[in-house]
Amino acid sequence: VVSTGTNSSKGGVDVLVVAAKKDRIEERTMVIEH
């Protein structure tokens, strides 16, 4: 949630949505586990 409060008076939510490829996450966790 973006916490600037610029739009809070209008009733609604301002968010940053993050999408990360699962194969890259698995790749990174494997490197660390090894």
PDB file of all heavy atoms in Angstrom:
ATOM      1  N   VAL A   1       0.855  -1.189   0.000  1.00  0.00           N
ATOM      2  CA  VAL A   1       0.000   0.000   0.000  1.00  0.00           C
ATOM      3  C   VAL A   1       0.888   1.236   0.000  1.00  0.00           C
ATOM      4  O   VAL A   1       1.819   1.350   0.795  1.00  0.00           O
ATOM      5  CB  VAL A   1      -0.932   0.009   1.226  1.00  0.00           C
ATOM      6  CG1 VAL A   1      -1.743   1.303   1.272  1.00  0.00           C
ATOM      7  CG2 VAL A   1      -1.857  -1.197   1.194  1.00  0.00           C
ATOM      8  N   VAL A   2       0.632   2.160  -0.917  1.00  0.00           N
ATOM      9  CA  VAL A   2       1.380   3.415  -0.960  1.00  0.00           C
ATOM     10  C   VAL A   2       0.854   4.310   0.154  1.00  0.00           C
ATOM     11  O   VAL A   2      -0.346   4.624   0.187  1.00  0.00           O
ATOM     12  CB  VAL A   2       1.229   4.106  -2.330  1.00  0.00           C
ATOM     13  CG1 VAL A   2       1.944   5.446  -2.338  1.00  0.00           C
ATOM     14  CG2 VAL A   2       1.772   3.201  -3.433  1.00  0.00           C
ATOM     15  N   SER A   3       1.716   4.698   1.031  1.00  0.00           N
ATOM     16  CA  SER A   3       1.284   5.378   2.258  1.00  0.00           C
ATOM     17  C   SER A   3       1.424   6.893   2.208  1.00  0.00           C
ATOM     18  O   SER A   3       1.577   7.531   3.240  1.00  0.00           O
ATOM     19  CB  SER A   3       2.076   4.845   3.448  1.00  0.00           C
ATOM     20  OG  SER A   3       3.466   5.007   3.249  1.00  0.00           O
ATOM     21  N   THR A   4       1.383   7.469   0.981  1.00  0.00           N
ATOM     22  CA  THR A   4       1.499   8.920   0.896  1.00  0.00           C
ATOM     23  C   THR A   4       0.243   9.627   1.394  1.00  0.00           C
ATOM     24  O   THR A   4       0.290  10.788   1.790  1.00  0.00           O
ATOM     25  CB  THR A   4       1.755   9.348  -0.558  1.00  0.00           C
ATOM     26  OG1 THR A   4       0.679   8.871  -1.381  1.00  0.00           O
ATOM     27  CG2 THR A   4       3.058   8.763  -1.057  1.00  0.00           C
ATOM     28  N   GLY A   5      -0.904   8.952   1.320  1.00  0.00           N
ATOM     29  CA  GLY A   5      -2.160   9.563   1.771  1.00  0.00           C
ATOM     30  C   GLY A   5      -2.746  10.547   0.791  1.00  0.00           C
ATOM     31  O   GLY A   5      -3.719  11.236   1.099  1.00  0.00           O
ATOM     32  N   THR A   6      -2.188  10.624  -0.428  1.00  0.00           N
ATOM     33  CA  THR A   6      -2.650  11.638  -1.383  1.00  0.00           C
ATOM     34  C   THR A   6      -4.082  11.395  -1.844  1.00  0.00           C
ATOM     35  O   THR A   6      -4.783  12.327  -2.215  1.00  0.00           O
ATOM     36  CB  THR A   6      -1.729  11.675  -2.608  1.00  0.00           C
ATOM     37  OG1 THR A   6      -1.619  10.343  -3.141  1.00  0.00           O
ATOM     38  CG2 THR A   6      -0.354  12.168  -2.222  1.00  0.00           C
ATOM     39  N   ASN A   7      -4.514  10.141  -1.852  1.00  0.00           N
ATOM     40  CA  ASN A   7      -5.853   9.831  -2.357  1.00  0.00           C
ATOM     41  C   ASN A   7      -6.793   9.280  -1.283  1.00  0.00           C
ATOM     42  O   ASN A   7      -7.905   8.881  -1.575  1.00  0.00           O
ATOM     43  CB  ASN A   7      -5.763   8.808  -3.499  1.00  0.00           C
ATOM     44  CG  ASN A   7      -5.083   9.370  -4.723  1.00  0.00           C
ATOM     45  OD1 ASN A   7      -5.441  10.439  -5.175  1.00  0.00           O
ATOM     46  ND2 ASN A   7      -4.093   8.676  -5.234  1.00  0.00           N
ATOM     47  N   SER A   8      -6.316   9.212  -0.036  1.00  0.00           N
ATOM     48  CA  SER A   8      -7.103   8.550   1.003  1.00  0.00           C
ATOM     49  C   SER A   8      -8.440   9.232   1.251  1.00  0.00           C
ATOM     50  O   SER A   8      -9.412   8.593   1.608  1.00  0.00           O
ATOM     51  CB  SER A   8      -6.297   8.506   2.309  1.00  0.00           C
ATOM     52  OG  SER A   8      -5.974   9.810   2.729  1.00  0.00           O
ATOM     53  N   SER A   9      -8.537  10.549   1.038  1.00  0.00           N
ATOM     54  CA  SER A   9      -9.780  11.259   1.300  1.00  0.00           C
ATOM     55  C   SER A   9     -10.873  10.893   0.291  1.00  0.00           C
ATOM     56  O   SER A   9     -12.050  11.120   0.534  1.00  0.00           O
ATOM     57  CB  SER A   9      -9.537  12.771   1.263  1.00  0.00           C
ATOM     58  OG  SER A   9      -9.088  13.161  -0.024  1.00  0.00           O
ATOM     59  N   LYS A  10     -10.490  10.293  -0.835  1.00  0.00           N
ATOM     60  CA  LYS A  10     -11.464   9.937  -1.861  1.00  0.00           C
ATOM     61  C   LYS A  10     -12.047   8.542  -1.631  1.00  0.00           C
ATOM     62  O   LYS A  10     -12.915   8.124  -2.369  1.00  0.00           O
ATOM     63  CB  LYS A  10     -10.810  10.013  -3.245  1.00  0.00           C
ATOM     64  CG  LYS A  10     -10.293  11.411  -3.592  1.00  0.00           C
ATOM     65  CD  LYS A  10      -9.644  11.406  -4.962  1.00  0.00           C
ATOM     66  CE  LYS A  10      -9.098  12.777  -5.316  1.00  0.00           C
ATOM     67  NZ  LYS A  10      -8.442  12.790  -6.635  1.00  0.00           N
ATOM     68  N   GLY A  11     -11.517   7.828  -0.646  1.00  0.00           N
ATOM     69  CA  GLY A  11     -12.005   6.494  -0.377  1.00  0.00           C
ATOM     70  C   GLY A  11     -11.550   5.504  -1.417  1.00  0.00           C
ATOM     71  O   GLY A  11     -12.074   5.399  -2.490  1.00  0.00           O
ATOM     72  N   GLY A  12     -10.556   4.760  -1.189  1.00  0.00           N
ATOM     73  CA  GLY A  12      -9.960   3.852  -2.152  1.00  0.00           C
ATOM     74  C   GLY A  12      -8.559   3.537  -1.698  1.00  0.00           C
ATOM     75  O   GLY A  12      -8.130   3.963  -0.631  1.00  0.00           O
ATOM     76  N   VAL A  13      -7.826   2.778  -2.498  1.00  0.00           N
ATOM     77  CA  VAL A  13      -6.492   2.351  -2.110  1.00  0.00           C
ATOM     78  C   VAL A  13      -5.535   2.518  -3.282  1.00  0.00           C
ATOM     79  O   VAL A  13      -5.861   2.182  -4.423  1.00  0.00           O
ATOM     80  CB  VAL A  13      -6.496   0.875  -1.647  1.00  0.00           C
ATOM     81  CG1 VAL A  13      -5.119   0.468  -1.154  1.00  0.00           C
ATOM     82  CG2 VAL A  13      -7.519   0.651  -0.545  1.00  0.00           C
ATOM     83  N   ASP A  14      -4.363   3.046  -2.973  1.00  0.00           N
ATOM     84  CA  ASP A  14      -3.280   3.229  -3.930  1.00  0.00           C
ATOM     85  C   ASP A  14      -2.233   2.172  -3.609  1.00  0.00           C
ATOM     86  O   ASP A  14      -1.685   2.173  -2.503  1.00  0.00           O
ATOM     87  CB  ASP A  14      -2.702   4.638  -3.756  1.00  0.00           C
ATOM     88  CG  ASP A  14      -2.004   5.140  -4.994  1.00  0.00           C
ATOM     89  OD1 ASP A  14      -1.995   4.427  -6.009  1.00  0.00           O
ATOM     90  OD2 ASP A  14      -1.458   6.252  -4.941  1.00  0.00           O
ATOM     91  N   VAL A  15      -1.960   1.246  -4.527  1.00  0.00           N
ATOM     92  CA  VAL A  15      -1.053   0.144  -4.208  1.00  0.00           C
ATOM     93  C   VAL A  15       0.012  -0.037  -5.284  1.00  0.00           C
ATOM     94  O   VAL A  15      -0.195   0.311  -6.456  1.00  0.00           O
ATOM     95  CB  VAL A  15      -1.817  -1.192  -4.045  1.00  0.00           C
ATOM     96  CG1 VAL A  15      -2.757  -1.148  -2.865  1.00  0.00           C
ATOM     97  CG2 VAL A  15      -2.571  -1.555  -5.316  1.00  0.00           C
ATOM     98  N   LEU A  16       1.137  -0.582  -4.861  1.00  0.00           N
ATOM     99  CA  LEU A  16       2.142  -1.081  -5.780  1.00  0.00           C
ATOM    100  C   LEU A  16       1.987  -2.584  -5.855  1.00  0.00           C
ATOM    101  O   LEU A  16       2.081  -3.283  -4.837  1.00  0.00           O
ATOM    102  CB  LEU A  16       3.557  -0.744  -5.289  1.00  0.00           C
ATOM    103  CG  LEU A  16       4.041   0.691  -5.415  1.00  0.00           C
ATOM    104  CD1 LEU A  16       5.469   0.793  -4.911  1.00  0.00           C
ATOM    105  CD2 LEU A  16       3.970   1.182  -6.846  1.00  0.00           C
ATOM    106  N   VAL A  17       1.722  -3.089  -7.030  1.00  0.00           N
ATOM    107  CA  VAL A  17       1.590  -4.528  -7.235  1.00  0.00           C
ATOM    108  C   VAL A  17       2.902  -5.056  -7.801  1.00  0.00           C
ATOM    109  O   VAL A  17       3.453  -4.494  -8.755  1.00  0.00           O
ATOM    110  CB  VAL A  17       0.429  -4.845  -8.190  1.00  0.00           C
ATOM    111  CG1 VAL A  17       0.349  -6.340  -8.466  1.00  0.00           C
ATOM    112  CG2 VAL A  17      -0.888  -4.346  -7.612  1.00  0.00           C
ATOM    113  N   VAL A  18       3.404  -6.124  -7.206  1.00  0.00           N
ATOM    114  CA  VAL A  18       4.672  -6.718  -7.621  1.00  0.00           C
ATOM    115  C   VAL A  18       4.426  -8.127  -8.125  1.00  0.00           C
ATOM    116  O   VAL A  18       3.754  -8.927  -7.454  1.00  0.00           O
ATOM    117  CB  VAL A  18       5.676  -6.772  -6.448  1.00  0.00           C
ATOM    118  CG1 VAL A  18       7.019  -7.319  -6.917  1.00  0.00           C
ATOM    119  CG2 VAL A  18       5.846  -5.396  -5.829  1.00  0.00           C
ATOM    120  N   ALA A  19       4.965  -8.426  -9.295  1.00  0.00           N
ATOM    121  CA  ALA A  19       4.891  -9.777  -9.847  1.00  0.00           C
ATOM    122  C   ALA A  19       6.300 -10.232 -10.194  1.00  0.00           C
ATOM    123  O   ALA A  19       7.001  -9.573 -10.967  1.00  0.00           O
ATOM    124  CB  ALA A  19       4.012  -9.806 -11.100  1.00  0.00           C
ATOM    125  N   ALA A  20       6.731 -11.331  -9.592  1.00  0.00           N
ATOM    126  CA  ALA A  20       8.067 -11.875  -9.855  1.00  0.00           C
ATOM    127  C   ALA A  20       7.931 -13.282 -10.423  1.00  0.00           C
ATOM    128  O   ALA A  20       7.151 -14.102  -9.926  1.00  0.00           O
ATOM    129  CB  ALA A  20       8.883 -11.905  -8.572  1.00  0.00           C
ATOM    130  N   LYS A  21       8.711 -13.568 -11.464  1.00  0.00           N
ATOM    131  CA  LYS A  21       8.645 -14.894 -12.091  1.00  0.00           C
ATOM    132  C   LYS A  21       9.041 -15.969 -11.086  1.00  0.00           C
ATOM    133  O   LYS A  21      10.073 -15.863 -10.419  1.00  0.00           O
ATOM    134  CB  LYS A  21       9.578 -14.948 -13.308  1.00  0.00           C
ATOM    135  CG  LYS A  21       9.203 -14.012 -14.448  1.00  0.00           C
ATOM    136  CD  LYS A  21       7.908 -14.411 -15.115  1.00  0.00           C
ATOM    137  CE  LYS A  21       8.039 -15.668 -15.935  1.00  0.00           C
ATOM    138  NZ  LYS A  21       8.805 -15.448 -17.179  1.00  0.00           N
ATOM    139  N   LYS A  22       8.224 -16.989 -10.983  1.00  0.00           N
ATOM    140  CA  LYS A  22       8.476 -18.054 -10.008  1.00  0.00           C
ATOM    141  C   LYS A  22       9.791 -18.779 -10.278  1.00  0.00           C
ATOM    142  O   LYS A  22      10.481 -19.189  -9.341  1.00  0.00           O
ATOM    143  CB  LYS A  22       7.317 -19.051 -10.027  1.00  0.00           C
ATOM    144  CG  LYS A  22       6.033 -18.523  -9.425  1.00  0.00           C
ATOM    145  CD  LYS A  22       4.925 -19.563  -9.487  1.00  0.00           C
ATOM    146  CE  LYS A  22       3.635 -19.043  -8.872  1.00  0.00           C
ATOM    147  NZ  LYS A  22       2.532 -20.037  -8.969  1.00  0.00           N
ATOM    148  N   ASP A  23      10.140 -18.930 -11.561  1.00  0.00           N
ATOM    149  CA  ASP A  23      11.374 -19.646 -11.849  1.00  0.00           C
ATOM    150  C   ASP A  23      12.599 -18.870 -11.367  1.00  0.00           C
ATOM    151  O   ASP A  23      13.590 -19.463 -10.933  1.00  0.00           O
ATOM    152  CB  ASP A  23      11.484 -19.978 -13.337  1.00  0.00           C
ATOM    153  CG  ASP A  23      11.418 -18.760 -14.243  1.00  0.00           C
ATOM    154  OD1 ASP A  23      11.086 -17.662 -13.760  1.00  0.00           O
ATOM    155  OD2 ASP A  23      11.679 -18.909 -15.460  1.00  0.00           O
ATOM    156  N   ARG A  24      12.532 -17.525 -11.399  1.00  0.00           N
ATOM    157  CA  ARG A  24      13.657 -16.731 -10.892  1.00  0.00           C
ATOM    158  C   ARG A  24      13.722 -16.799  -9.365  1.00  0.00           C
ATOM    159  O   ARG A  24      14.807 -16.794  -8.795  1.00  0.00           O
ATOM    160  CB  ARG A  24      13.520 -15.279 -11.358  1.00  0.00           C
ATOM    161  CG  ARG A  24      13.729 -15.098 -12.843  1.00  0.00           C
ATOM    162  CD  ARG A  24      15.168 -15.426 -13.235  1.00  0.00           C
ATOM    163  NE  ARG A  24      15.357 -15.414 -14.666  1.00  0.00           N
ATOM    164  CZ  ARG A  24      15.617 -14.315 -15.378  1.00  0.00           C
ATOM    165  NH1 ARG A  24      15.695 -13.144 -14.774  1.00  0.00           N
ATOM    166  NH2 ARG A  24      15.784 -14.404 -16.673  1.00  0.00           N
ATOM    167  N   ILE A  25      12.569 -16.828  -8.712  1.00  0.00           N
ATOM    168  CA  ILE A  25      12.563 -16.972  -7.254  1.00  0.00           C
ATOM    169  C   ILE A  25      13.160 -18.321  -6.863  1.00  0.00           C
ATOM    170  O   ILE A  25      14.012 -18.413  -5.963  1.00  0.00           O
ATOM    171  CB  ILE A  25      11.135 -16.834  -6.702  1.00  0.00           C
ATOM    172  CG1 ILE A  25      10.594 -15.429  -6.965  1.00  0.00           C
ATOM    173  CG2 ILE A  25      11.115 -17.127  -5.197  1.00  0.00           C
ATOM    174  CD1 ILE A  25       9.127 -15.269  -6.587  1.00  0.00           C
ATOM    175  N   GLU A  26      12.736 -19.383  -7.546  1.00  0.00           N
ATOM    176  CA  GLU A  26      13.257 -20.713  -7.260  1.00  0.00           C
ATOM    177  C   GLU A  26      14.753 -20.793  -7.538  1.00  0.00           C
ATOM    178  O   GLU A  26      15.506 -21.428  -6.790  1.00  0.00           O
ATOM    179  CB  GLU A  26      12.505 -21.744  -8.103  1.00  0.00           C
ATOM    180  CG  GLU A  26      11.038 -21.895  -7.690  1.00  0.00           C
ATOM    181  CD  GLU A  26      10.223 -22.685  -8.695  1.00  0.00           C
ATOM    182  OE1 GLU A  26      10.815 -23.111  -9.724  1.00  0.00           O
ATOM    183  OE2 GLU A  26       9.019 -22.874  -8.471  1.00  0.00           O
ATOM    184  N   GLU A  27      15.183 -20.146  -8.596  1.00  0.00           N
ATOM    185  CA  GLU A  27      16.595 -20.106  -8.963  1.00  0.00           C
ATOM    186  C   GLU A  27      17.417 -19.444  -7.861  1.00  0.00           C
ATOM    187  O   GLU A  27      18.470 -19.943  -7.458  1.00  0.00           O
ATOM    188  CB  GLU A  27      16.721 -19.338 -10.279  1.00  0.00           C
ATOM    189  CG  GLU A  27      18.077 -19.220 -10.870  1.00  0.00           C
ATOM    190  CD  GLU A  27      17.996 -18.380 -12.140  1.00  0.00           C
ATOM    191  OE1 GLU A  27      17.644 -18.936 -13.199  1.00  0.00           O
ATOM    192  OE2 GLU A  27      18.246 -17.168 -12.063  1.00  0.00           O
ATOM    193  N   ARG A  28      16.916 -18.322  -7.350  1.00  0.00           N
ATOM    194  CA  ARG A  28      17.626 -17.591  -6.302  1.00  0.00           C
ATOM    195  C   ARG A  28      17.658 -18.375  -4.991  1.00  0.00           C
ATOM    196  O   ARG A  28      18.707 -18.457  -4.330  1.00  0.00           O
ATOM    197  CB  ARG A  28      16.979 -16.223  -6.104  1.00  0.00           C
ATOM    198  CG  ARG A  28      17.590 -15.362  -5.006  1.00  0.00           C
ATOM    199  CD  ARG A  28      19.082 -15.126  -5.191  1.00  0.00           C
ATOM    200  NE  ARG A  28      19.426 -14.669  -6.508  1.00  0.00           N
ATOM    201  CZ  ARG A  28      19.389 -13.385  -6.884  1.00  0.00           C
ATOM    202  NH1 ARG A  28      19.017 -12.452  -6.021  1.00  0.00           N
ATOM    203  NH2 ARG A  28      19.746 -13.043  -8.108  1.00  0.00           N
ATOM    204  N   THR A  29      16.530 -18.972  -4.602  1.00  0.00           N
ATOM    205  CA  THR A  29      16.504 -19.726  -3.353  1.00  0.00           C
ATOM    206  C   THR A  29      17.409 -20.960  -3.445  1.00  0.00           C
ATOM    207  O   THR A  29      18.048 -21.346  -2.460  1.00  0.00           O
ATOM    208  CB  THR A  29      15.069 -20.152  -2.988  1.00  0.00           C
ATOM    209  OG1 THR A  29      14.507 -20.907  -4.055  1.00  0.00           O
ATOM    210  CG2 THR A  29      14.200 -18.936  -2.735  1.00  0.00           C
ATOM    211  N   MET A  30      17.492 -21.569  -4.628  1.00  0.00           N
ATOM    212  CA  MET A  30      18.357 -22.730  -4.802  1.00  0.00           C
ATOM    213  C   MET A  30      19.824 -22.358  -4.618  1.00  0.00           C
ATOM    214  O   MET A  30      20.598 -23.093  -3.982  1.00  0.00           O
ATOM    215  CB  MET A  30      18.142 -23.338  -6.194  1.00  0.00           C
ATOM    216  CG  MET A  30      18.865 -24.664  -6.403  1.00  0.00           C
ATOM    217  SD  MET A  30      18.587 -25.318  -8.076  1.00  0.00           S
ATOM    218  CE  MET A  30      16.792 -25.453  -8.062  1.00  0.00           C
ATOM    219  N   VAL A  31      20.220 -21.204  -5.157  1.00  0.00           N
ATOM    220  CA  VAL A  31      21.604 -20.745  -5.001  1.00  0.00           C
ATOM    221  C   VAL A  31      21.944 -20.593  -3.521  1.00  0.00           C
ATOM    222  O   VAL A  31      23.018 -21.010  -3.060  1.00  0.00           O
ATOM    223  CB  VAL A  31      21.807 -19.408  -5.750  1.00  0.00           C
ATOM    224  CG1 VAL A  31      23.079 -18.701  -5.278  1.00  0.00           C
ATOM    225  CG2 VAL A  31      21.878 -19.650  -7.253  1.00  0.00           C
ATOM    226  N   ILE A  32      21.030 -20.018  -2.773  1.00  0.00           N
ATOM    227  CA  ILE A  32      21.283 -19.794  -1.349  1.00  0.00           C
ATOM    228  C   ILE A  32      21.256 -21.105  -0.573  1.00  0.00           C
ATOM    229  O   ILE A  32      22.097 -21.349   0.308  1.00  0.00           O
ATOM    230  CB  ILE A  32      20.259 -18.787  -0.791  1.00  0.00           C
ATOM    231  CG1 ILE A  32      20.489 -17.419  -1.443  1.00  0.00           C
ATOM    232  CG2 ILE A  32      20.371 -18.673   0.735  1.00  0.00           C
ATOM    233  CD1 ILE A  32      19.378 -16.437  -1.229  1.00  0.00           C
ATOM    234  N   GLU A  33      20.310 -21.985  -0.887  1.00  0.00           N
ATOM    235  CA  GLU A  33      20.247 -23.285  -0.215  1.00  0.00           C
ATOM    236  C   GLU A  33      21.513 -24.099  -0.460  1.00  0.00           C
ATOM    237  O   GLU A  33      22.011 -24.776   0.444  1.00  0.00           O
ATOM    238  CB  GLU A  33      19.028 -24.063  -0.702  1.00  0.00           C
ATOM    239  CG  GLU A  33      17.719 -23.526  -0.135  1.00  0.00           C
ATOM    240  CD  GLU A  33      16.501 -24.176  -0.778  1.00  0.00           C
ATOM    241  OE1 GLU A  33      16.675 -24.811  -1.843  1.00  0.00           O
ATOM    242  OE2 GLU A  33      15.398 -24.035  -0.217  1.00  0.00           O
ATOM    243  N   HIS A  34      22.063 -24.026  -1.664  1.00  0.00           N
ATOM    244  CA  HIS A  34      23.279 -24.769  -1.975  1.00  0.00           C
ATOM    245  C   HIS A  34      24.498 -24.211  -1.249  1.00  0.00           C
ATOM    246  O   HIS A  34      25.535 -24.882  -1.196  1.00  0.00           O
ATOM    247  CB  HIS A  34      23.529 -24.771  -3.487  1.00  0.00           C
ATOM    248  CG  HIS A  34      22.611 -25.700  -4.231  1.00  0.00           C
ATOM    249  ND1 HIS A  34      22.624 -25.823  -5.607  1.00  0.00           N
ATOM    250  CD2 HIS A  34      21.642 -26.547  -3.800  1.00  0.00           C
ATOM    251  CE1 HIS A  34      21.701 -26.694  -5.982  1.00  0.00           C
ATOM    252  NE2 HIS A  34      21.097 -27.144  -4.904  1.00  0.00           N
TER     253      HIS A  34
END
